[in-house]
Amino acid sequence: MSTTNPSTKRFGARYGRKPRAKFALIEALHRGRHKCPYCNREAVSRLAAGIYQCRKCSTKFAGKAYTF
């Protein structure tokens, strides 16, 4: 049974299994859908590290680097 994520296949056999698995978890949170705390719609996109913007209500807010 393979535990590799399709997003980490670009690394091939490098770096080991555990670091690739941790990276896949972080990347899934980073690229996943987020719910806006103001309008409750899943329309939040990441602009930069720690800066997010809702595509529906155009509200900008700060959060963590990969999730808010």
N, C-alpha and C. Protein backbone atom coordinates (compact mmCIF):
# COMPACT_ATOMS: atom_id res chain seq x y z
N MET A 1 0.85 -1.18 0.00
CA MET A 1 0.00 0.00 0.00
C MET A 1 0.89 1.24 0.00
N SER A 2 0.64 2.12 -0.94
CA SER A 2 1.44 3.33 -1.08
C SER A 2 0.78 4.48 -0.31
N THR A 3 1.60 5.25 0.40
CA THR A 3 1.08 6.39 1.14
C THR A 3 1.46 7.71 0.49
N THR A 4 1.95 7.64 -0.75
CA THR A 4 2.35 8.87 -1.41
C THR A 4 1.15 9.59 -1.99
N ASN A 5 1.18 10.87 -1.91
CA ASN A 5 0.15 11.73 -2.44
C ASN A 5 0.54 12.09 -3.86
N PRO A 6 -0.41 12.25 -4.78
CA PRO A 6 -0.04 12.64 -6.15
C PRO A 6 0.75 13.95 -6.21
N SER A 7 0.54 14.84 -5.24
CA SER A 7 1.27 16.10 -5.26
C SER A 7 2.73 15.92 -4.87
N THR A 8 3.06 14.85 -4.17
CA THR A 8 4.45 14.64 -3.76
C THR A 8 5.19 13.68 -4.68
N LYS A 9 4.55 13.19 -5.72
CA LYS A 9 5.23 12.31 -6.66
C LYS A 9 6.30 13.06 -7.44
N ARG A 10 6.21 14.37 -7.46
CA ARG A 10 7.21 15.15 -8.17
C ARG A 10 8.59 15.06 -7.53
N PHE A 11 8.65 14.61 -6.26
CA PHE A 11 9.92 14.47 -5.57
C PHE A 11 10.59 13.13 -5.85
N GLY A 12 9.86 12.17 -6.41
CA GLY A 12 10.42 10.87 -6.72
C GLY A 12 10.80 10.13 -5.45
N ALA A 13 12.00 9.55 -5.44
CA ALA A 13 12.46 8.78 -4.29
C ALA A 13 13.26 9.64 -3.31
N ARG A 14 13.29 10.93 -3.51
CA ARG A 14 14.09 11.81 -2.66
C ARG A 14 13.37 12.16 -1.37
N TYR A 15 14.11 12.51 -0.37
CA TYR A 15 13.68 13.08 0.92
C TYR A 15 13.07 12.11 1.91
N GLY A 16 12.67 10.93 1.53
CA GLY A 16 12.12 9.97 2.47
C GLY A 16 10.61 10.04 2.56
N ARG A 17 10.02 9.02 3.18
CA ARG A 17 8.56 8.90 3.21
C ARG A 17 7.92 9.87 4.19
N LYS A 18 8.48 10.01 5.39
CA LYS A 18 7.85 10.86 6.41
C LYS A 18 7.84 12.34 6.02
N PRO A 19 8.95 12.91 5.56
CA PRO A 19 8.89 14.31 5.15
C PRO A 19 7.92 14.55 3.99
N ARG A 20 7.84 13.61 3.06
CA ARG A 20 6.89 13.77 1.95
C ARG A 20 5.45 13.69 2.45
N ALA A 21 5.18 12.81 3.41
CA ALA A 21 3.83 12.70 3.96
C ALA A 21 3.44 13.97 4.71
N LYS A 22 4.37 14.54 5.49
CA LYS A 22 4.09 15.80 6.19
C LYS A 22 3.85 16.93 5.20
N PHE A 23 4.65 16.96 4.15
CA PHE A 23 4.50 17.99 3.13
C PHE A 23 3.15 17.85 2.43
N ALA A 24 2.71 16.63 2.17
CA ALA A 24 1.42 16.40 1.52
C ALA A 24 0.27 16.89 2.41
N LEU A 25 0.38 16.68 3.72
CA LEU A 25 -0.65 17.16 4.65
C LEU A 25 -0.72 18.68 4.64
N ILE A 26 0.43 19.32 4.74
CA ILE A 26 0.48 20.79 4.75
C ILE A 26 -0.04 21.34 3.43
N GLU A 27 0.35 20.72 2.33
CA GLU A 27 -0.07 21.22 1.03
C GLU A 27 -1.57 21.03 0.82
N ALA A 28 -2.12 19.95 1.35
CA ALA A 28 -3.57 19.73 1.22
C ALA A 28 -4.34 20.80 1.99
N LEU A 29 -3.86 21.18 3.17
CA LEU A 29 -4.50 22.27 3.93
C LEU A 29 -4.34 23.60 3.21
N HIS A 30 -3.17 23.80 2.67
CA HIS A 30 -2.84 25.06 2.00
C HIS A 30 -3.70 25.27 0.76
N ARG A 31 -3.86 24.24 -0.05
CA ARG A 31 -4.59 24.36 -1.31
C ARG A 31 -6.07 24.04 -1.20
N GLY A 32 -6.50 23.58 -0.04
CA GLY A 32 -7.90 23.20 0.14
C GLY A 32 -8.83 24.39 0.20
N ARG A 33 -10.11 24.09 0.26
CA ARG A 33 -11.12 25.15 0.33
C ARG A 33 -11.26 25.62 1.77
N HIS A 34 -11.43 26.94 1.93
CA HIS A 34 -11.59 27.53 3.25
C HIS A 34 -12.90 28.32 3.28
N LYS A 35 -13.54 28.32 4.43
CA LYS A 35 -14.80 29.03 4.60
C LYS A 35 -14.53 30.44 5.12
N CYS A 36 -15.18 31.41 4.51
CA CYS A 36 -15.04 32.81 4.91
C CYS A 36 -15.71 33.01 6.27
N PRO A 37 -15.02 33.66 7.22
CA PRO A 37 -15.63 33.89 8.53
C PRO A 37 -16.69 34.99 8.51
N TYR A 38 -16.78 35.75 7.43
CA TYR A 38 -17.74 36.85 7.36
C TYR A 38 -19.03 36.45 6.63
N CYS A 39 -18.91 35.78 5.49
CA CYS A 39 -20.11 35.43 4.71
C CYS A 39 -20.40 33.92 4.70
N ASN A 40 -19.57 33.12 5.35
CA ASN A 40 -19.72 31.67 5.47
C ASN A 40 -19.79 30.94 4.14
N ARG A 41 -19.15 31.44 3.14
CA ARG A 41 -19.08 30.78 1.84
C ARG A 41 -17.67 30.25 1.64
N GLU A 42 -17.53 29.09 1.00
CA GLU A 42 -16.21 28.53 0.73
C GLU A 42 -15.62 29.22 -0.49
N ALA A 43 -15.15 30.42 -0.31
CA ALA A 43 -14.63 31.21 -1.42
C ALA A 43 -13.37 31.97 -1.04
N VAL A 44 -12.62 31.44 -0.09
CA VAL A 44 -11.42 32.13 0.38
C VAL A 44 -10.21 31.63 -0.39
N SER A 45 -9.41 32.55 -0.89
CA SER A 45 -8.18 32.20 -1.56
C SER A 45 -7.02 32.89 -0.88
N ARG A 46 -5.87 32.28 -0.96
CA ARG A 46 -4.67 32.79 -0.32
C ARG A 46 -3.97 33.75 -1.27
N LEU A 47 -3.72 34.97 -0.82
CA LEU A 47 -3.03 35.96 -1.65
C LEU A 47 -1.52 35.88 -1.45
N ALA A 48 -1.10 35.79 -0.21
CA ALA A 48 0.32 35.68 0.14
C ALA A 48 0.39 34.93 1.46
N ALA A 49 1.58 34.78 1.99
CA ALA A 49 1.74 34.06 3.24
C ALA A 49 1.01 34.80 4.36
N GLY A 50 -0.08 34.22 4.83
CA GLY A 50 -0.83 34.81 5.93
C GLY A 50 -1.89 35.82 5.53
N ILE A 51 -2.09 36.07 4.23
CA ILE A 51 -3.09 37.03 3.77
C ILE A 51 -4.10 36.29 2.90
N TYR A 52 -5.38 36.39 3.27
CA TYR A 52 -6.45 35.70 2.56
C TYR A 52 -7.50 36.70 2.13
N GLN A 53 -8.22 36.35 1.05
CA GLN A 53 -9.29 37.21 0.56
C GLN A 53 -10.46 36.35 0.11
N CYS A 54 -11.67 36.78 0.48
CA CYS A 54 -12.88 36.10 0.06
C CYS A 54 -13.24 36.59 -1.34
N ARG A 55 -13.52 35.67 -2.24
CA ARG A 55 -13.88 36.05 -3.60
C ARG A 55 -15.31 36.58 -3.69
N LYS A 56 -16.16 36.25 -2.71
CA LYS A 56 -17.55 36.69 -2.76
C LYS A 56 -17.72 38.09 -2.17
N CYS A 57 -17.27 38.27 -0.90
CA CYS A 57 -17.48 39.55 -0.23
C CYS A 57 -16.25 40.46 -0.27
N SER A 58 -15.17 40.03 -0.91
CA SER A 58 -13.93 40.81 -1.09
C SER A 58 -13.30 41.26 0.22
N THR A 59 -13.51 40.54 1.29
CA THR A 59 -12.91 40.88 2.57
C THR A 59 -11.52 40.29 2.65
N LYS A 60 -10.56 41.09 3.05
CA LYS A 60 -9.20 40.61 3.27
C LYS A 60 -8.99 40.44 4.76
N PHE A 61 -8.29 39.37 5.14
CA PHE A 61 -8.00 39.14 6.54
C PHE A 61 -6.72 38.34 6.66
N ALA A 62 -6.17 38.35 7.86
CA ALA A 62 -4.90 37.68 8.12
C ALA A 62 -5.13 36.34 8.81
N GLY A 63 -4.17 35.47 8.68
CA GLY A 63 -4.25 34.16 9.30
C GLY A 63 -2.87 33.57 9.41
N LYS A 64 -2.81 32.27 9.51
CA LYS A 64 -1.53 31.57 9.56
C LYS A 64 -0.95 31.50 8.15
N ALA A 65 0.24 30.98 8.03
CA ALA A 65 0.90 30.95 6.73
C ALA A 65 0.20 30.03 5.74
N TYR A 66 -0.28 28.87 6.21
CA TYR A 66 -0.89 27.91 5.29
C TYR A 66 -2.38 27.75 5.50
N THR A 67 -2.90 28.03 6.67
CA THR A 67 -4.33 28.02 6.94
C THR A 67 -4.65 29.26 7.78
N PHE A 68 -5.90 29.61 7.85
CA PHE A 68 -6.22 30.79 8.64
C PHE A 68 -7.01 30.46 9.87
